[in-house]
Amino acid sequence: MARILIVWELGSGLGHVLPLRALADRLHLAGHEVIVAARDLLLLRSAFAGSAHRLICAPYFPGLALPSRQLNALSDVVWFESGGHSPETVLAQFEAWRGLLQSLCPDLLIADAAPMALAATQGRVPQLNYDGYFHATDARAWTTFRDWERIDASATADRATSLLDHVNRARIACDLPAAADLHTAFAADRLVLRCLPELDPFAPREDVRYVGQQTVGGIEPVWPAVANAQRVFVYLRAGYAQADRLLGALSRQQGIAVLCVVEADDTAQRPSAEHLAYSTVAVDLQQALVAADLVICHGGALLGLAIQFGKPALLMPLHTEHYLMARQAERIGIGLLVMPPLTPADFLTPMRRLLADATFTLNARTIAEAHQQRAPDAMALVLGEVESVLANRSIA
């Protein structure tokens, strides 16, 4: 039995904690002890309710509160969101992560959106980066991704150079040699992506195991009882500014049955209709997606799951990571992208198109079949990677 530390540092929402719950449960069944260190303990406790895993708070930087900042590359994300802007902040996080390792003595660290954890613990414990494409720390990830508008490329390059300097100062203070580049400074021993290669905006990568998304249990989805209606599954993050406009439009649309999962418990303020049902807790996504004809979401993990189940998606991105995946989904004909400000027609017109045009569903099913051939038991592949890293450690 190994002691495995799962860490989560950047991002928000169930798209991080639910896959980690699925992984932690499988690791536990395989006989391993699991400890989860995460930035959001409230969300973590909710998603891990009833589990046997130990939950602790992860060291993380709260992010720079600036009136204007533009994230053009992963180096910018680490600079603004992980404290990379300051050598003192970087060193403080190195010391915090290393102190945590010294206290817990894990045999393996699994990182989800945790670049600073990977950098700080490099050489101290075997590492597996179990991530979406956006925070993965391979060489491809450090390229500029904001290609749809003019950017200050020199400022981004300067931040990347300074970030490497700040990390190298911390490395030297912690008796590590200076790294030649950011890829080396943040590299993990193994990279496993919870992403479909078809949805990777950077194009399929070499030396990467694509395993897709995993479902995890929830309550049974209860759809509105509407005869002969197409089913639309909706997931809305708390605070989504266009939520009332979207739900108002859906409440007036006939011929569909809508099940909407909303993170905030404010359904009393939502429009009601016989064909519209709400849930404020996570539902069993496998059941929900099998039954759905269309998924409406922001992007991210749920987009990946929708495509794995052969369902097209209407996408309303909240941030750059969502946007990049949504744009890629639109490019390959499995979804449509809408951006605010939005009118009801801006939601309903693409929704009707997705439901009426079978090409979107056929494209999604083609990718689903290809994924099933690549990874018929995706979690078994992840566990295989875990055991491989552990075995290499024991041999060394």
Protein backbone atom coordinates (compact mmCIF):
# COMPACT_ATOMS: atom_id res chain seq x y z
CA MET A 1 0.00 0.00 0.00
CA ALA A 2 1.26 3.48 -0.88
CA ARG A 3 0.36 6.82 0.66
CA ILE A 4 -0.80 9.09 -2.15
CA LEU A 5 -1.22 12.86 -1.84
CA ILE A 6 -3.64 14.44 -4.34
CA VAL A 7 -3.28 18.23 -4.62
CA TRP A 8 -5.41 20.90 -6.26
CA GLU A 9 -4.23 24.52 -6.48
CA LEU A 10 -5.87 26.53 -9.32
CA GLY A 11 -9.36 26.90 -10.74
CA SER A 12 -12.78 26.35 -9.23
CA GLY A 13 -15.89 24.25 -9.52
CA LEU A 14 -16.94 20.63 -9.58
CA GLY A 15 -14.91 19.98 -12.73
CA HIS A 16 -11.87 19.62 -10.47
CA VAL A 17 -13.16 17.92 -7.34
CA LEU A 18 -15.50 15.32 -8.87
CA PRO A 19 -12.79 13.70 -11.05
CA LEU A 20 -10.47 13.74 -8.03
CA ARG A 21 -13.14 12.01 -5.95
CA ALA A 22 -13.46 9.30 -8.62
CA LEU A 23 -9.68 8.85 -8.69
CA ALA A 24 -9.35 8.83 -4.90
CA ASP A 25 -12.05 6.17 -4.57
CA ARG A 26 -10.37 3.91 -7.12
CA LEU A 27 -6.99 4.36 -5.45
CA HIS A 28 -8.57 3.43 -2.12
CA LEU A 29 -10.13 0.30 -3.65
CA ALA A 30 -6.68 -0.60 -4.99
CA GLY A 31 -5.39 -0.57 -1.40
CA HIS A 32 -3.75 2.85 -1.24
CA GLU A 33 -4.09 5.50 1.46
CA VAL A 34 -5.30 8.78 -0.02
CA ILE A 35 -4.88 12.30 1.33
CA VAL A 36 -6.38 15.22 -0.59
CA ALA A 37 -5.01 18.76 -0.21
CA ALA A 38 -7.18 21.32 -1.99
CA ARG A 39 -7.67 25.07 -2.22
CA ASP A 40 -11.44 24.93 -1.55
CA LEU A 41 -12.23 22.87 1.54
CA LEU A 42 -15.96 23.58 1.45
CA LEU A 43 -16.33 22.29 -2.10
CA LEU A 44 -14.00 19.42 -1.29
CA ARG A 45 -15.99 18.35 1.78
CA SER A 46 -19.20 18.43 -0.22
CA ALA A 47 -17.82 16.36 -3.10
CA PHE A 48 -16.03 13.90 -0.78
CA ALA A 49 -18.94 13.43 1.64
CA GLY A 50 -19.00 9.88 3.00
CA SER A 51 -15.50 9.04 1.79
CA ALA A 52 -12.69 7.60 3.91
CA HIS A 53 -10.08 10.01 2.56
CA ARG A 54 -8.28 12.57 4.70
CA LEU A 55 -8.98 16.14 3.52
CA ILE A 56 -6.66 19.07 4.25
CA CYS A 57 -6.16 22.61 3.01
CA ALA A 58 -3.49 23.08 0.35
CA PRO A 59 -0.93 25.89 0.33
CA TYR A 60 -1.98 28.25 -2.42
CA PHE A 61 -1.78 31.89 -3.40
CA PRO A 62 -5.17 33.68 -3.50
CA GLY A 63 -4.42 35.51 -6.76
CA LEU A 64 -3.51 39.11 -7.45
CA ALA A 65 -6.50 41.45 -7.25
CA LEU A 66 -5.71 43.81 -10.12
CA PRO A 67 -8.07 46.09 -12.07
CA SER A 68 -6.68 44.75 -15.34
CA ARG A 69 -4.69 41.64 -16.16
CA GLN A 70 -4.48 39.55 -19.28
CA LEU A 71 -3.56 35.88 -19.21
CA ASN A 72 -1.77 35.05 -22.45
CA ALA A 73 0.12 31.89 -21.46
CA LEU A 74 0.51 29.45 -18.58
CA SER A 75 3.39 31.60 -17.34
CA ASP A 76 0.88 34.44 -16.90
CA VAL A 77 -1.48 32.13 -15.02
CA VAL A 78 1.30 31.17 -12.60
CA TRP A 79 2.42 34.81 -12.36
CA PHE A 80 -0.99 36.24 -11.46
CA GLU A 81 -2.74 33.26 -9.84
CA SER A 82 0.05 31.27 -8.15
CA GLY A 83 2.20 34.09 -6.78
CA GLY A 84 4.87 33.76 -9.45
CA HIS A 85 5.24 37.56 -9.57
CA SER A 86 7.34 37.65 -6.41
CA PRO A 87 10.44 35.65 -5.44
CA GLU A 88 9.34 35.87 -1.80
CA THR A 89 5.92 34.41 -2.58
CA VAL A 90 7.41 31.62 -4.66
CA LEU A 91 9.87 30.70 -1.91
CA ALA A 92 7.13 30.81 0.71
CA GLN A 93 5.08 28.31 -1.30
CA PHE A 94 8.11 26.10 -1.89
CA GLU A 95 8.67 25.97 1.85
CA ALA A 96 4.98 25.34 2.57
CA TRP A 97 4.71 22.46 0.09
CA ARG A 98 7.97 20.92 1.26
CA GLY A 99 6.86 21.21 4.87
CA LEU A 100 3.65 19.42 3.97
CA LEU A 101 5.63 16.63 2.31
CA GLN A 102 7.85 16.30 5.36
CA SER A 103 4.78 16.02 7.57
CA LEU A 104 2.82 13.56 5.43
CA CYS A 105 5.65 11.51 3.84
CA PRO A 106 3.68 10.51 0.70
CA ASP A 107 4.96 7.94 -1.77
CA LEU A 108 3.40 9.79 -4.73
CA LEU A 109 2.02 13.26 -5.43
CA ILE A 110 -0.81 13.59 -7.97
CA ALA A 111 -1.33 17.19 -9.08
CA ASP A 112 -4.45 18.71 -10.62
CA ALA A 113 -3.94 22.33 -11.72
CA ALA A 114 -1.12 22.62 -9.19
CA PRO A 115 1.98 23.97 -10.98
CA MET A 116 3.55 25.47 -7.86
CA ALA A 117 3.13 22.20 -5.97
CA LEU A 118 4.92 20.39 -8.80
CA ALA A 119 7.76 22.92 -8.88
CA ALA A 120 8.20 22.94 -5.10
CA THR A 121 8.21 19.18 -4.62
CA GLN A 122 10.30 18.25 -7.64
CA GLY A 123 12.94 15.73 -6.65
CA ARG A 124 11.35 15.12 -3.26
CA VAL A 125 8.55 12.76 -4.29
CA PRO A 126 7.45 11.04 -7.53
CA GLN A 127 4.86 13.14 -9.35
CA LEU A 128 1.98 12.49 -11.71
CA ASN A 129 0.25 15.45 -13.35
CA TYR A 130 -3.44 14.42 -13.63
CA ASP A 131 -4.96 17.42 -15.29
CA GLY A 132 -6.93 19.05 -18.04
CA TYR A 133 -4.89 20.52 -20.88
CA PHE A 134 -4.88 24.10 -19.55
CA HIS A 135 -2.69 23.70 -16.43
CA ALA A 136 -0.58 20.81 -17.71
CA THR A 137 3.10 21.70 -17.39
CA ASP A 138 4.58 19.93 -20.42
CA ALA A 139 6.59 21.89 -22.99
CA ARG A 140 3.54 22.59 -25.19
CA ALA A 141 1.68 24.25 -22.31
CA TRP A 142 4.00 27.26 -22.04
CA THR A 143 3.21 28.62 -25.50
CA THR A 144 0.95 31.65 -25.95
CA PHE A 145 -2.69 30.65 -26.24
CA ARG A 146 -4.43 34.03 -26.69
CA ASP A 147 -4.44 34.12 -30.48
CA TRP A 148 -7.78 35.80 -31.11
CA GLU A 149 -6.71 39.35 -30.27
CA ARG A 150 -3.68 41.60 -30.18
CA ILE A 151 -1.55 41.08 -27.08
CA ASP A 152 1.61 42.54 -25.62
CA ALA A 153 3.84 39.57 -26.43
CA SER A 154 6.93 41.28 -25.02
CA ALA A 155 5.25 41.75 -21.63
CA THR A 156 4.28 38.08 -21.55
CA ALA A 157 7.84 37.07 -22.50
CA ASP A 158 9.27 39.34 -19.80
CA ARG A 159 6.97 37.81 -17.17
CA ALA A 160 7.99 34.31 -18.26
CA THR A 161 11.68 35.22 -17.91
CA SER A 162 11.11 36.75 -14.49
CA LEU A 163 9.01 33.76 -13.39
CA LEU A 164 11.86 31.40 -14.22
CA ASP A 165 14.24 33.62 -12.25
CA HIS A 166 11.91 33.62 -9.22
CA VAL A 167 11.50 29.86 -9.33
CA ASN A 168 15.24 29.32 -9.70
CA ARG A 169 15.91 31.48 -6.67
CA ALA A 170 13.57 29.25 -4.68
CA ARG A 171 15.16 26.11 -6.16
CA ILE A 172 18.64 27.23 -5.16
CA ALA A 173 17.42 28.14 -1.67
CA CYS A 174 16.02 24.60 -1.43
CA ASP A 175 19.27 22.97 -2.65
CA LEU A 176 18.03 22.29 -6.18
CA PRO A 177 19.98 23.25 -9.31
CA ALA A 178 18.64 26.08 -11.43
CA ALA A 179 16.28 24.98 -14.22
CA ALA A 180 17.04 25.85 -17.84
CA ASP A 181 13.42 26.63 -18.71
CA LEU A 182 9.90 26.68 -17.31
CA HIS A 183 9.10 23.22 -18.63
CA THR A 184 12.02 21.80 -16.66
CA ALA A 185 11.19 23.85 -13.57
CA PHE A 186 7.58 22.62 -13.44
CA ALA A 187 7.90 19.18 -15.04
CA ALA A 188 6.21 16.12 -13.52
CA ASP A 189 7.40 12.54 -13.88
CA ARG A 190 4.26 11.55 -15.78
CA LEU A 191 1.48 13.47 -17.56
CA VAL A 192 -2.07 12.12 -17.77
CA LEU A 193 -4.73 14.40 -19.26
CA ARG A 194 -8.44 14.36 -18.41
CA CYS A 195 -9.08 15.62 -21.89
CA LEU A 196 -9.89 14.20 -25.30
CA PRO A 197 -7.13 14.78 -27.84
CA GLU A 198 -9.78 16.10 -30.24
CA LEU A 199 -10.59 18.87 -27.73
CA ASP A 200 -7.00 19.84 -26.96
CA PRO A 201 -6.57 23.33 -28.48
CA PHE A 202 -2.79 22.77 -28.62
CA ALA A 203 -3.32 19.66 -30.82
CA PRO A 204 -2.63 16.11 -29.62
CA ARG A 205 0.60 15.89 -27.64
CA GLU A 206 3.27 13.23 -27.64
CA ASP A 207 4.22 11.31 -24.49
CA VAL A 208 0.83 12.06 -22.94
CA ARG A 209 -1.86 9.63 -21.85
CA TYR A 210 -5.30 11.01 -22.76
CA VAL A 211 -7.88 9.29 -20.53
CA GLY A 212 -10.85 11.64 -20.78
CA GLN A 213 -13.22 12.55 -17.98
CA GLN A 214 -14.64 10.25 -15.31
CA THR A 215 -18.17 10.20 -13.94
CA VAL A 216 -18.83 10.04 -10.22
CA GLY A 217 -21.99 9.22 -8.33
CA GLY A 218 -24.72 11.70 -7.49
CA ILE A 219 -28.44 11.68 -6.97
CA GLU A 220 -30.64 10.12 -9.61
CA PRO A 221 -31.59 12.73 -12.22
CA VAL A 222 -35.32 13.42 -12.32
CA TRP A 223 -36.44 14.74 -15.70
CA PRO A 224 -39.71 16.60 -16.25
CA ALA A 225 -42.43 14.25 -17.47
CA VAL A 226 -42.93 15.61 -20.97
CA ALA A 227 -43.99 13.11 -23.62
CA ASN A 228 -41.96 12.90 -26.84
CA ALA A 229 -39.74 15.80 -25.82
CA GLN A 230 -36.04 16.18 -26.54
CA ARG A 231 -34.06 16.32 -23.32
CA VAL A 232 -31.67 19.15 -22.54
CA PHE A 233 -29.25 18.86 -19.61
CA VAL A 234 -28.01 22.21 -18.25
CA TYR A 235 -25.22 22.93 -15.77
CA LEU A 236 -24.78 26.49 -14.46
CA ARG A 237 -22.04 27.77 -12.20
CA ALA A 238 -23.01 29.92 -9.23
CA GLY A 239 -23.08 33.58 -10.19
CA TYR A 240 -23.37 33.08 -13.94
CA ALA A 241 -24.55 36.52 -15.03
CA GLN A 242 -26.71 35.26 -17.91
CA ALA A 243 -28.44 32.50 -15.90
CA ASP A 244 -31.83 34.20 -15.50
CA ARG A 245 -31.93 35.15 -19.18
CA LEU A 246 -31.07 31.60 -20.27
CA LEU A 247 -33.56 29.94 -17.92
CA GLY A 248 -36.27 32.41 -18.85
CA ALA A 249 -35.75 31.52 -22.51
CA LEU A 250 -35.83 27.79 -21.74
CA SER A 251 -38.99 28.15 -19.67
CA ARG A 252 -40.81 29.56 -22.71
CA GLN A 253 -39.49 26.97 -25.18
CA GLN A 254 -41.94 24.16 -25.90
CA GLY A 255 -41.11 20.64 -27.04
CA ILE A 256 -38.16 20.08 -24.70
CA ALA A 257 -37.62 18.66 -21.22
CA VAL A 258 -34.93 20.52 -19.27
CA LEU A 259 -33.00 19.34 -16.22
CA CYS A 260 -30.83 22.14 -14.83
CA VAL A 261 -28.16 21.68 -12.17
CA VAL A 262 -27.38 25.02 -10.53
CA GLU A 263 -24.56 25.38 -8.00
CA ALA A 264 -26.33 28.08 -5.97
CA ASP A 265 -29.36 27.20 -3.88
CA ASP A 266 -31.57 29.95 -5.27
CA THR A 267 -34.13 28.03 -7.32
CA ALA A 268 -36.95 30.00 -5.68
CA GLN A 269 -35.89 32.93 -7.87
CA ARG A 270 -35.76 30.87 -11.04
CA PRO A 271 -38.54 30.72 -13.63
CA SER A 272 -40.80 27.71 -13.36
CA ALA A 273 -42.44 25.59 -16.05
CA GLU A 274 -43.72 22.03 -16.30
CA HIS A 275 -40.91 21.12 -18.68
CA LEU A 276 -38.17 22.65 -16.47
CA ALA A 277 -36.71 20.86 -13.41
CA TYR A 278 -33.90 21.97 -11.10
CA SER A 279 -31.32 20.32 -8.88
CA THR A 280 -28.97 22.17 -6.52
CA VAL A 281 -26.86 19.06 -5.82
CA ALA A 282 -24.78 16.98 -8.21
CA VAL A 283 -26.71 14.38 -10.18
CA ASP A 284 -25.40 11.09 -11.54
CA LEU A 285 -23.88 12.37 -14.77
CA GLN A 286 -23.76 8.98 -16.41
CA GLN A 287 -27.53 8.61 -16.10
CA ALA A 288 -28.14 12.23 -17.05
CA LEU A 289 -25.95 12.17 -20.14
CA VAL A 290 -27.24 8.85 -21.41
CA ALA A 291 -30.75 10.30 -21.34
CA ALA A 292 -29.89 13.76 -22.73
CA ASP A 293 -30.07 14.86 -26.36
CA LEU A 294 -28.10 18.05 -25.75
CA VAL A 295 -25.88 19.51 -23.04
CA ILE A 296 -25.74 23.23 -22.19
CA CYS A 297 -22.75 24.15 -20.05
CA HIS A 298 -19.78 26.47 -19.73
CA GLY A 299 -17.18 24.02 -21.08
CA GLY A 300 -14.44 22.23 -19.20
CA ALA A 301 -14.97 18.79 -17.70
CA LEU A 302 -18.66 18.55 -18.56
CA LEU A 303 -17.96 19.31 -22.21
CA GLY A 304 -15.50 16.41 -22.29
CA LEU A 305 -18.02 14.09 -20.66
CA ALA A 306 -20.79 15.16 -23.02
CA ILE A 307 -18.67 14.28 -26.04
CA GLN A 308 -17.62 10.96 -24.48
CA PHE A 309 -21.34 10.13 -24.31
CA GLY A 310 -21.84 11.25 -27.91
CA LYS A 311 -23.87 14.37 -27.08
CA PRO A 312 -23.45 17.78 -28.72
CA ALA A 313 -23.10 20.88 -26.56
CA LEU A 314 -24.13 24.53 -26.43
CA LEU A 315 -21.25 26.33 -24.71
CA MET A 316 -21.22 29.51 -22.63
CA PRO A 317 -17.59 29.97 -21.50
CA LEU A 318 -16.79 31.80 -18.29
CA HIS A 319 -13.04 32.16 -18.78
CA THR A 320 -10.21 31.50 -21.21
CA GLU A 321 -9.91 27.76 -20.56
CA HIS A 322 -13.63 27.30 -21.27
CA TYR A 323 -13.38 29.47 -24.36
CA LEU A 324 -10.46 27.56 -25.87
CA MET A 325 -12.26 24.22 -25.46
CA ALA A 326 -15.56 25.65 -26.71
CA ARG A 327 -13.90 27.12 -29.78
CA GLN A 328 -12.27 23.78 -30.51
CA ALA A 329 -15.64 22.00 -30.11
CA GLU A 330 -17.19 24.39 -32.62
CA ARG A 331 -14.29 23.88 -35.05
CA ILE A 332 -14.75 20.10 -35.12
CA GLY A 333 -18.55 20.29 -35.38
CA ILE A 334 -19.67 18.95 -32.00
CA GLY A 335 -20.97 22.16 -30.45
CA LEU A 336 -21.76 25.83 -30.77
CA LEU A 337 -20.32 28.73 -28.83
CA VAL A 338 -22.24 31.76 -27.52
CA MET A 339 -20.72 34.79 -25.84
CA PRO A 340 -22.28 37.57 -23.75
CA PRO A 341 -24.10 39.86 -23.82
CA LEU A 342 -26.86 37.49 -24.86
CA THR A 343 -30.51 37.80 -25.73
CA PRO A 344 -32.95 34.86 -25.41
CA ALA A 345 -32.64 34.33 -29.16
CA ASP A 346 -28.87 34.01 -28.79
CA PHE A 347 -29.48 30.91 -26.64
CA LEU A 348 -32.50 29.44 -28.40
CA THR A 349 -31.38 29.75 -32.02
CA PRO A 350 -28.18 27.66 -31.63
CA MET A 351 -29.97 25.28 -29.25
CA ARG A 352 -32.64 24.56 -31.86
CA ARG A 353 -29.96 24.08 -34.50
CA LEU A 354 -28.10 21.58 -32.35
CA LEU A 355 -31.28 19.63 -31.69
CA ALA A 356 -32.44 19.67 -35.30
CA ASP A 357 -29.18 19.00 -37.15
CA ALA A 358 -28.11 15.39 -36.62
CA THR A 359 -24.61 16.14 -37.91
CA PHE A 360 -23.55 17.51 -34.51
CA THR A 361 -24.66 14.33 -32.74
CA LEU A 362 -23.05 12.10 -35.37
CA ASN A 363 -19.75 13.96 -35.00
CA ALA A 364 -19.90 13.64 -31.22
CA ARG A 365 -20.67 9.93 -31.47
CA THR A 366 -17.72 9.40 -33.80
CA ILE A 367 -15.38 10.93 -31.23
CA ALA A 368 -17.06 8.96 -28.42
CA GLU A 369 -16.42 5.71 -30.29
CA ALA A 370 -12.79 6.64 -30.93
CA HIS A 371 -12.32 7.45 -27.25
CA GLN A 372 -13.89 4.15 -26.23
CA GLN A 373 -11.41 2.31 -28.44
CA ARG A 374 -8.47 4.26 -26.97
CA ALA A 375 -9.57 3.98 -23.35
CA PRO A 376 -12.27 1.35 -22.73
CA ASP A 377 -11.46 1.54 -19.00
CA ALA A 378 -10.00 4.99 -18.55
CA MET A 379 -9.60 4.77 -14.78
CA ALA A 380 -7.70 1.50 -15.16
CA LEU A 381 -5.28 3.38 -17.42
CA VAL A 382 -4.81 6.05 -14.75
CA LEU A 383 -4.18 3.43 -12.09
CA GLY A 384 -1.70 1.77 -14.42
CA GLU A 385 0.21 5.05 -14.70
CA VAL A 386 0.14 5.42 -10.91
CA GLU A 387 1.50 1.90 -10.38
CA SER A 388 4.18 2.49 -13.01
CA VAL A 389 5.44 5.63 -11.25
CA LEU A 390 5.38 3.86 -7.89
CA ALA A 391 7.22 0.86 -9.31
CA ASN A 392 9.92 3.02 -10.86
CA ARG A 393 10.36 4.74 -7.52
CA SER A 394 10.79 1.46 -5.67
CA ILE A 395 13.29 0.25 -8.28
CA ALA A 396 15.29 3.46 -7.94
